[in-house]
Protein backbone atom coordinates (compact mmCIF):
# COMPACT_ATOMS: atom_id res chain seq x y z
CA UNK A 1 -6.31 -31.66 25.41
CA UNK A 2 -3.63 -28.97 25.80
CA UNK A 3 -4.59 -25.57 24.40
CA UNK A 4 -1.86 -23.98 22.31
CA UNK A 5 -0.76 -20.45 23.10
CA UNK A 6 -1.92 -18.04 20.40
CA UNK A 7 0.40 -15.77 18.45
CA UNK A 8 -0.40 -13.12 15.88
CA UNK A 9 1.78 -12.89 12.76
CA UNK A 10 1.83 -9.59 10.91
CA UNK A 11 1.19 -10.99 7.44
CA UNK A 12 2.03 -9.20 4.18
CA UNK A 13 1.59 -12.34 2.10
CA UNK A 14 5.24 -12.36 1.05
CA UNK A 15 7.86 -15.03 1.62
CA UNK A 16 9.19 -13.67 4.94
CA UNK A 17 5.81 -13.48 6.67
CA UNK A 18 4.83 -16.91 5.30
CA UNK A 19 8.01 -18.31 6.83
CA UNK A 20 7.25 -16.50 10.11
CA UNK A 21 3.90 -18.31 10.24
CA UNK A 22 5.49 -21.71 9.64
CA UNK A 23 8.29 -21.14 12.17
CA UNK A 24 5.82 -20.04 14.86
CA UNK A 25 3.66 -23.10 14.15
CA UNK A 26 6.75 -25.29 14.45
CA UNK A 27 7.41 -23.68 17.84
CA UNK A 28 3.97 -24.85 18.92
CA UNK A 29 1.89 -21.67 18.64
CA UNK A 30 -1.61 -21.38 17.25
CA UNK A 31 -1.06 -18.69 14.61
CA UNK A 32 -3.48 -15.93 13.67
CA UNK A 33 -2.26 -13.93 10.64
CA UNK A 34 -3.22 -10.25 10.45
CA UNK A 35 -3.21 -8.59 7.01
CA UNK A 36 -3.39 -4.82 6.44
CA UNK A 37 -5.20 -3.61 3.35
CA UNK A 38 -3.46 -0.27 2.79
CA UNK A 39 -4.67 2.39 0.32
CA UNK A 40 -1.42 2.73 -1.64
CA UNK A 41 -0.55 -0.95 -1.95
CA UNK A 42 1.07 -3.46 0.34
CA UNK A 43 3.76 -5.04 -1.79
CA UNK A 44 3.92 -8.48 -3.33
CA UNK A 45 0.61 -9.99 -2.25
CA UNK A 46 -2.97 -8.76 -2.57
CA UNK A 47 -5.74 -9.35 -0.05
CA UNK A 48 -7.07 -12.20 -2.25
CA UNK A 49 -3.60 -13.78 -2.49
CA UNK A 50 -3.18 -13.63 1.29
CA UNK A 51 -6.66 -15.05 1.83
CA UNK A 52 -5.90 -17.98 -0.50
CA UNK A 53 -2.72 -18.80 1.43
CA UNK A 54 -4.61 -18.68 4.73
CA UNK A 55 -7.32 -20.99 3.41
CA UNK A 56 -4.78 -23.44 2.00
CA UNK A 57 -3.05 -23.68 5.40
CA UNK A 58 -6.22 -23.68 7.53
CA UNK A 59 -5.54 -20.28 9.04
CA UNK A 60 -8.13 -17.74 10.10
CA UNK A 61 -7.03 -14.50 8.43
CA UNK A 62 -7.82 -11.20 10.14
CA UNK A 63 -8.00 -8.30 7.68
CA UNK A 64 -7.63 -4.72 8.92
CA UNK A 65 -8.98 -2.56 6.10
CA UNK A 66 -7.36 0.88 5.96
CA UNK A 67 -8.66 1.70 2.49
CA UNK A 68 -11.85 3.40 3.68
CA UNK A 69 -13.60 5.12 6.57
CA UNK A 70 -11.88 6.34 9.73
CA UNK A 71 -8.83 4.11 9.30
CA UNK A 72 -8.21 5.58 5.85
CA UNK A 73 -8.25 9.13 7.18
CA UNK A 74 -6.03 8.14 10.10
CA UNK A 75 -3.57 6.55 7.70
CA UNK A 76 -3.56 9.57 5.35
CA UNK A 77 -2.80 11.85 8.31
CA UNK A 78 0.22 9.68 9.14
CA UNK A 79 1.45 9.95 5.54
CA UNK A 80 1.02 13.74 5.58
CA UNK A 81 2.70 14.21 8.97
CA UNK A 82 5.44 11.59 9.04
CA UNK A 83 7.09 11.93 12.44
CA UNK A 84 10.10 9.81 11.51
CA UNK A 85 10.76 11.07 7.99
CA UNK A 86 10.27 9.58 4.55
CA UNK A 87 12.17 7.61 1.96
CA UNK A 88 12.93 8.57 -1.64
CA UNK A 89 9.24 9.14 -2.33
CA UNK A 90 6.86 10.21 0.42
CA UNK A 91 6.92 6.78 2.05
CA UNK A 92 6.83 7.07 5.86
CA UNK A 93 8.01 3.48 6.41
CA UNK A 94 8.78 3.79 10.13
CA UNK A 95 5.52 5.59 10.92
CA UNK A 96 3.61 3.09 8.78
CA UNK A 97 5.17 0.18 10.67
CA UNK A 98 4.33 1.80 14.01
CA UNK A 99 0.74 2.39 12.84
CA UNK A 100 0.27 -1.27 11.84
CA UNK A 101 1.83 -2.63 15.00
CA UNK A 102 -0.26 -0.34 17.21
CA UNK A 103 -3.45 -1.50 15.48
CA UNK A 104 -2.29 -5.10 15.79
CA UNK A 105 -1.54 -4.55 19.49
CA UNK A 106 -5.09 -3.27 20.02
CA UNK A 107 -6.45 -6.41 18.37
CA UNK A 108 -4.06 -8.61 20.37
CA UNK A 109 -4.97 -6.99 23.69
CA UNK A 110 -8.68 -7.29 22.96
CA UNK A 111 -8.23 -11.01 22.28
CA UNK A 112 -5.73 -11.57 25.14
CA UNK A 113 -2.90 -12.59 22.81
CA UNK A 114 0.56 -11.78 24.15
CA UNK A 115 2.93 -12.21 21.22
CA UNK A 116 3.09 -10.59 17.78
CA UNK A 117 5.54 -12.09 15.27
CA UNK A 118 6.81 -10.42 12.10
CA UNK A 119 8.85 -11.49 9.10
CA UNK A 120 11.35 -8.67 9.61
CA UNK A 121 15.00 -9.24 8.70
CA UNK A 122 17.70 -6.86 9.94
CA UNK A 123 19.23 -4.92 7.07
CA UNK A 124 16.70 -6.01 4.46
CA UNK A 125 14.97 -2.63 4.17
CA UNK A 126 17.04 0.55 4.49
CA UNK A 127 14.44 2.63 6.31
CA UNK A 128 12.48 0.42 8.71
CA UNK A 129 14.54 -2.74 9.21
CA UNK A 130 17.83 -1.49 10.61
CA UNK A 131 18.70 -2.28 14.24
CA UNK A 132 18.24 1.33 15.38
CA UNK A 133 14.83 1.66 13.69
CA UNK A 134 13.65 -1.72 14.99
CA UNK A 135 14.44 -0.62 18.55
CA UNK A 136 12.65 2.71 17.94
CA UNK A 137 9.55 0.88 16.65
CA UNK A 138 9.51 -1.38 19.72
CA UNK A 139 9.63 1.68 21.98
CA UNK A 140 7.00 3.71 20.07
CA UNK A 141 4.50 0.84 19.92
CA UNK A 142 4.96 -0.09 23.56
CA UNK A 143 5.33 -3.74 22.54
CA UNK A 144 8.92 -4.30 23.69
CA UNK A 145 9.65 -8.00 24.04
CA UNK A 146 6.14 -8.94 22.95
CA UNK A 147 7.44 -8.73 19.35
CA UNK A 148 9.01 -11.94 18.04
CA UNK A 149 11.15 -11.90 14.90
CA UNK A 150 11.69 -15.59 14.06
CA UNK A 151 13.73 -15.00 10.89
CA UNK A 152 16.24 -12.88 12.80
CA UNK A 153 16.38 -15.64 15.42
CA UNK A 154 17.35 -18.00 12.59
CA UNK A 155 20.34 -15.76 11.90
CA UNK A 156 18.89 -14.36 8.68
CA UNK A 157 20.03 -10.83 7.87
CA UNK A 158 20.65 -8.56 4.90
CA UNK A 159 19.07 -8.60 1.44
CA UNK A 160 20.08 -12.10 0.32
CA UNK A 161 17.11 -14.48 0.00
CA UNK A 162 19.15 -17.70 0.00
CA UNK A 163 18.26 -18.84 3.53
CA UNK A 164 14.60 -17.90 3.10
CA UNK A 165 14.37 -19.95 -0.10
CA UNK A 166 15.94 -22.93 1.70
CA UNK A 167 13.37 -22.60 4.48
CA UNK A 168 10.55 -22.36 1.95
CA UNK A 169 11.69 -25.70 0.50
CA UNK A 170 11.82 -27.19 3.99
CA UNK A 171 8.28 -26.08 4.81
CA UNK A 172 7.07 -26.86 1.26
CA UNK A 173 5.42 -23.50 0.78
CA UNK A 174 4.87 -21.54 -2.40
CA UNK A 175 5.29 -17.78 -2.40
CA UNK A 176 4.74 -14.88 -4.81
CA UNK A 177 7.64 -13.01 -6.33
CA UNK A 178 7.85 -9.32 -5.40
CA UNK A 179 5.80 -7.20 -7.80
CA UNK A 180 4.44 -3.67 -7.74
CA UNK A 181 4.74 -2.31 -4.24
CA UNK A 182 3.76 0.78 -2.30
CA UNK A 183 3.00 3.79 -4.51
CA UNK A 184 4.32 6.09 -1.78
CA UNK A 185 7.84 4.84 -2.61
CA UNK A 186 7.64 5.96 -6.24
CA UNK A 187 9.82 9.05 -6.82
CA UNK A 188 7.95 9.99 -10.00
CA UNK A 189 4.66 10.19 -8.06
CA UNK A 190 6.04 12.36 -5.26
CA UNK A 191 4.72 15.74 -6.51
CA UNK A 192 1.37 14.24 -7.49
CA UNK A 193 0.88 12.56 -4.14
CA UNK A 194 1.89 15.66 -2.19
CA UNK A 195 -0.64 17.75 -4.13
CA UNK A 196 -3.44 15.20 -3.74
CA UNK A 197 -2.79 14.70 -0.03
CA UNK A 198 -2.97 18.45 0.54
CA UNK A 199 -6.15 18.58 -1.55
CA UNK A 200 -7.65 15.55 0.18
CA UNK A 201 -8.83 12.28 -1.34
CA UNK A 202 -11.64 9.86 -0.65
CA UNK A 203 -11.49 6.07 -0.99
CA UNK A 204 -12.56 6.12 -4.66
CA UNK A 205 -10.29 8.96 -5.74
CA UNK A 206 -7.24 7.18 -4.32
CA UNK A 207 -7.75 4.48 -6.97
CA UNK A 208 -6.87 7.08 -9.62
CA UNK A 209 -3.44 7.97 -8.20
CA UNK A 210 -1.60 5.68 -10.62
CA UNK A 211 -4.13 5.76 -13.47
CA UNK A 212 -3.90 7.99 -16.54
CA UNK A 213 -2.37 11.40 -17.16
CA UNK A 214 -2.96 13.97 -14.42
CA UNK A 215 -3.28 17.73 -14.76
CA UNK A 216 -4.20 20.66 -12.53
CA UNK A 217 -6.01 23.47 -14.33
CA UNK A 218 -7.07 26.44 -12.15
CA UNK A 219 -6.99 24.22 -9.05
CA UNK A 220 -9.07 21.52 -10.75
CA UNK A 221 -7.70 17.97 -10.79
CA UNK A 222 -8.17 16.34 -14.21
CA UNK A 223 -7.41 12.72 -15.15
CA UNK A 224 -7.23 11.43 -18.74
CA UNK A 225 -6.99 7.76 -19.69
CA UNK A 226 -3.98 6.49 -21.63
CA UNK A 227 -5.55 3.27 -22.91
CA UNK A 228 -8.81 1.30 -22.93
CA UNK A 229 -8.17 -0.26 -19.52
CA UNK A 230 -7.67 3.14 -17.89
CA UNK A 231 -10.65 4.58 -19.77
CA UNK A 232 -12.90 1.92 -18.24
CA UNK A 233 -11.55 2.58 -14.75
CA UNK A 234 -12.22 6.30 -15.14
CA UNK A 235 -15.72 5.71 -16.55
CA UNK A 236 -16.77 3.18 -13.92
CA UNK A 237 -15.30 4.68 -10.76
CA UNK A 238 -18.31 6.88 -10.06
CA UNK A 239 -16.47 10.03 -9.02
CA UNK A 240 -16.02 13.45 -10.62
CA UNK A 241 -17.57 14.73 -13.83
CA UNK A 242 -16.97 12.83 -17.08
CA UNK A 243 -16.04 14.99 -20.05
CA UNK A 244 -18.25 14.25 -23.05
CA UNK A 245 -17.11 14.97 -26.61
CA UNK A 246 -18.83 14.31 -29.94
CA UNK A 247 -15.84 12.46 -31.39
CA UNK A 248 -13.63 9.54 -30.22
CA UNK A 249 -11.30 10.65 -27.43
CA UNK A 250 -9.75 9.34 -24.21
CA UNK A 251 -12.03 9.16 -21.17
CA UNK A 252 -11.48 12.08 -18.81
CA UNK A 253 -12.89 13.43 -15.57
CA UNK A 254 -12.77 16.66 -13.61
CA UNK A 255 -12.47 15.84 -9.91
CA UNK A 256 -13.29 19.32 -8.64
CA UNK A 257 -16.55 21.19 -9.17
CA UNK A 258 -15.91 24.04 -11.59
CA UNK A 259 -18.36 24.50 -14.48
CA UNK A 260 -16.18 27.15 -16.10
CA UNK A 261 -13.46 24.55 -16.71
CA UNK A 262 -15.35 22.50 -19.32
CA UNK A 263 -13.96 24.32 -22.37
CA UNK A 264 -10.32 24.21 -21.20
CA UNK A 265 -10.57 20.56 -20.23
CA UNK A 266 -12.20 19.68 -23.55
CA UNK A 267 -9.26 21.35 -25.30
CA UNK A 268 -6.91 19.26 -23.16
CA UNK A 269 -8.72 16.02 -24.00
CA UNK A 270 -8.78 16.93 -27.70
CA UNK A 271 -4.99 17.42 -27.56
CA UNK A 272 -4.62 13.78 -26.46
CA UNK A 273 -7.13 12.43 -28.97
CA UNK A 274 -6.47 11.50 -32.61
CA UNK A 275 -7.66 14.98 -33.53
CA UNK A 276 -4.94 16.56 -31.44
CA UNK A 277 -1.33 17.35 -32.20
CA UNK A 278 2.00 17.30 -30.40
CA UNK A 279 1.99 21.10 -30.51
CA UNK A 280 -1.37 21.20 -28.70
CA UNK A 281 -0.12 18.75 -26.06
CA UNK A 282 2.92 20.90 -25.37
CA UNK A 283 0.67 23.81 -24.36
CA UNK A 284 -0.49 21.70 -21.40
CA UNK A 285 2.95 20.39 -20.33
CA UNK A 286 3.27 22.92 -17.51
CA UNK A 287 -0.04 21.77 -16.03
CA UNK A 288 0.96 18.12 -15.67
CA UNK A 289 0.82 16.63 -12.21
């Protein structure tokens, strides 16, 4: 029995990386998909979604979890000190790509796997998938010609999805439609993220980045729920100090230890409760994060 050569596919769960897997299998490789669980989101497919695809196609999925521990801190340092610049938000797309490929290379070297394939398409993403940036990433990662880009080899380029959809029909694969995405790309979160990165966040606190209304009062980070779903997240996360009131009000927490802040924060929460008024809310506008 002939043993197939192994190949890693950097797997986001989206259409392009699913096609990369199928193309590499068609070329005769034994494919091992590697999925990165990143703290600010990974795009169209969750870890569970990626795992389901791997199971359905009899693939052994390798998950590299960057949402906690040393890898989280390493990733946050890359976000704070982006060597190759950022996009419209604080998204360090090139540095992020280099980080993932370096970690994948370590895994590949440890398991004596030569090639790493990606679903990259030239011109699809303005920051990390232009010819110049692709060459830079190859150089910085030290991978050179060990990186295979099967969709580019198929002549696919630009932002049109027509050829990818045709290939999906050929391989009879289902795929998720793009939804959500990386929070680091969100312009409206730029100031909030910059503040929280300079303050420092742990793995639980990061889950609050896109939850509720955020305020900074005397260097204390405060989060107030906007609806029942957010209230439950705030109550159940197990971080910070919950603000308790003797009347119905949104759930709120102080994330920094300052006992003298209770009265001011209670006034803030009251402003956003049914007891509050628009006038009261306006007094806190300048403290919004």
